Amino acid sequence: MNFKRLAKHFPELAELPPAEQQALLTQAYQHAFAAEHKMKIWRSNLLSALLMAGLCFLFVLVLRPALGMSQQTSAIVLMLIAFPLYFFIQQRRFINQLRRSLQNKLP
């Protein structure tokens, strides 16, 4: 983990020294992504990937012909909009999960 980049998402840690920030983030990460949470995380990731795949198929099979888009244009739209949006949403979910765990660790 890059703690400097990750710490910018947590303004509540700003007044703490960097070593303490790193220690708190490490503890929160270990708690949030511990072995007992692996199946829940795996299931959540699988469901979001299936939802994303379903929405992409819906776009390709229904919306693309309805909008009169070419195959190349629809592929570009999916690569430039849908997939980065999926990664952004996954990152936000990661940050939120880490934030919930960090709230338990803060004094």
Protein backbone atom coordinates (compact mmCIF):
# COMPACT_ATOMS: atom_id res chain seq x y z
CA MET A 1 0.00 0.00 0.00
CA ASN A 2 1.12 3.50 -0.74
CA PHE A 3 0.32 5.20 2.55
CA LYS A 4 0.86 8.76 1.34
CA ARG A 5 -1.67 8.36 -1.45
CA LEU A 6 -4.07 6.45 0.76
CA ALA A 7 -3.85 8.93 3.66
CA LYS A 8 -5.21 11.75 1.49
CA HIS A 9 -8.58 9.98 1.53
CA PHE A 10 -8.71 10.19 5.31
CA PRO A 11 -8.63 13.82 6.50
CA GLU A 12 -9.24 12.68 10.07
CA LEU A 13 -5.64 11.38 10.10
CA ALA A 14 -4.08 14.67 8.95
CA GLU A 15 -3.07 15.89 12.41
CA LEU A 16 -1.32 12.62 13.31
CA PRO A 17 2.37 11.99 12.55
CA PRO A 18 3.06 9.91 9.41
CA ALA A 19 4.25 6.87 11.37
CA GLU A 20 1.03 6.78 13.38
CA GLN A 21 -1.04 7.29 10.21
CA GLN A 22 0.69 4.33 8.62
CA ALA A 23 0.18 2.17 11.71
CA LEU A 24 -3.53 3.03 11.92
CA LEU A 25 -4.07 2.42 8.20
CA THR A 26 -2.25 -0.90 8.42
CA GLN A 27 -4.37 -2.01 11.38
CA ALA A 28 -7.57 -0.87 9.66
CA TYR A 29 -6.59 -2.69 6.46
CA GLN A 30 -5.80 -5.90 8.34
CA HIS A 31 -9.13 -5.69 10.17
CA ALA A 32 -11.23 -4.78 7.13
CA PHE A 33 -9.72 -7.45 4.88
CA ALA A 34 -9.12 -10.18 7.44
CA ALA A 35 -9.73 -13.84 6.66
CA GLU A 36 -13.21 -13.82 8.22
CA HIS A 37 -14.33 -11.18 5.69
CA LYS A 38 -12.87 -12.85 2.58
CA MET A 39 -16.05 -14.63 1.48
CA LYS A 40 -18.16 -11.49 1.90
CA ILE A 41 -15.63 -9.46 -0.10
CA TRP A 42 -15.37 -12.16 -2.75
CA ARG A 43 -19.15 -12.39 -3.09
CA SER A 44 -19.48 -8.62 -3.32
CA ASN A 45 -16.78 -8.40 -6.00
CA LEU A 46 -18.35 -11.24 -7.96
CA LEU A 47 -21.79 -9.66 -7.86
CA SER A 48 -20.47 -6.28 -8.96
CA ALA A 49 -18.53 -7.90 -11.82
CA LEU A 50 -21.64 -9.80 -12.92
CA LEU A 51 -23.71 -6.64 -12.72
CA MET A 52 -21.13 -4.79 -14.80
CA ALA A 53 -21.02 -7.58 -17.38
CA GLY A 54 -24.83 -7.62 -17.53
CA LEU A 55 -24.98 -3.87 -18.07
CA CYS A 56 -22.36 -4.12 -20.81
CA PHE A 57 -24.32 -6.88 -22.55
CA LEU A 58 -27.47 -4.79 -22.24
CA PHE A 59 -25.64 -1.88 -23.82
CA VAL A 60 -24.26 -4.00 -26.66
CA LEU A 61 -27.40 -6.00 -27.39
CA VAL A 62 -30.15 -3.41 -26.80
CA LEU A 63 -28.90 0.16 -26.62
CA ARG A 64 -26.29 0.01 -29.37
CA PRO A 65 -28.80 -1.02 -32.07
CA ALA A 66 -31.41 1.38 -30.70
CA LEU A 67 -28.95 4.28 -30.91
CA GLY A 68 -27.60 3.18 -34.29
CA MET A 69 -24.01 2.97 -33.08
CA SER A 70 -21.35 0.97 -34.87
CA GLN A 71 -19.60 -1.89 -33.14
CA GLN A 72 -16.37 0.06 -32.97
CA THR A 73 -18.07 3.07 -31.40
CA SER A 74 -19.80 0.96 -28.78
CA ALA A 75 -16.51 -0.78 -27.95
CA ILE A 76 -14.80 2.59 -27.52
CA VAL A 77 -17.64 3.82 -25.31
CA LEU A 78 -17.34 0.73 -23.12
CA MET A 79 -13.55 1.02 -22.85
CA LEU A 80 -13.51 4.75 -22.16
CA ILE A 81 -16.54 5.07 -19.91
CA ALA A 82 -17.82 1.78 -18.49
CA PHE A 83 -14.61 0.07 -17.41
CA PRO A 84 -12.96 3.13 -15.80
CA LEU A 85 -16.27 3.82 -14.04
CA TYR A 86 -16.25 0.25 -12.71
CA PHE A 87 -12.70 0.65 -11.38
CA PHE A 88 -13.60 4.01 -9.81
CA ILE A 89 -16.59 2.47 -8.05
CA GLN A 90 -14.45 -0.43 -6.80
CA GLN A 91 -11.87 2.02 -5.45
CA ARG A 92 -14.58 4.00 -3.64
CA ARG A 93 -15.90 0.77 -2.12
CA PHE A 94 -12.37 -0.10 -0.94
CA ILE A 95 -11.92 3.36 0.62
CA ASN A 96 -15.33 3.20 2.33
CA GLN A 97 -14.64 -0.26 3.72
CA LEU A 98 -11.28 0.92 5.01
CA ARG A 99 -12.91 4.06 6.48
CA ARG A 100 -15.43 1.98 8.45
CA SER A 101 -12.63 -0.12 9.89
CA LEU A 102 -10.55 2.97 10.65
CA GLN A 103 -13.41 4.56 12.60
CA ASN A 104 -13.24 1.62 15.00
CA LYS A 105 -9.48 2.07 15.42
CA LEU A 106 -9.46 5.82 16.06
CA PRO A 107 -9.49 6.95 19.73
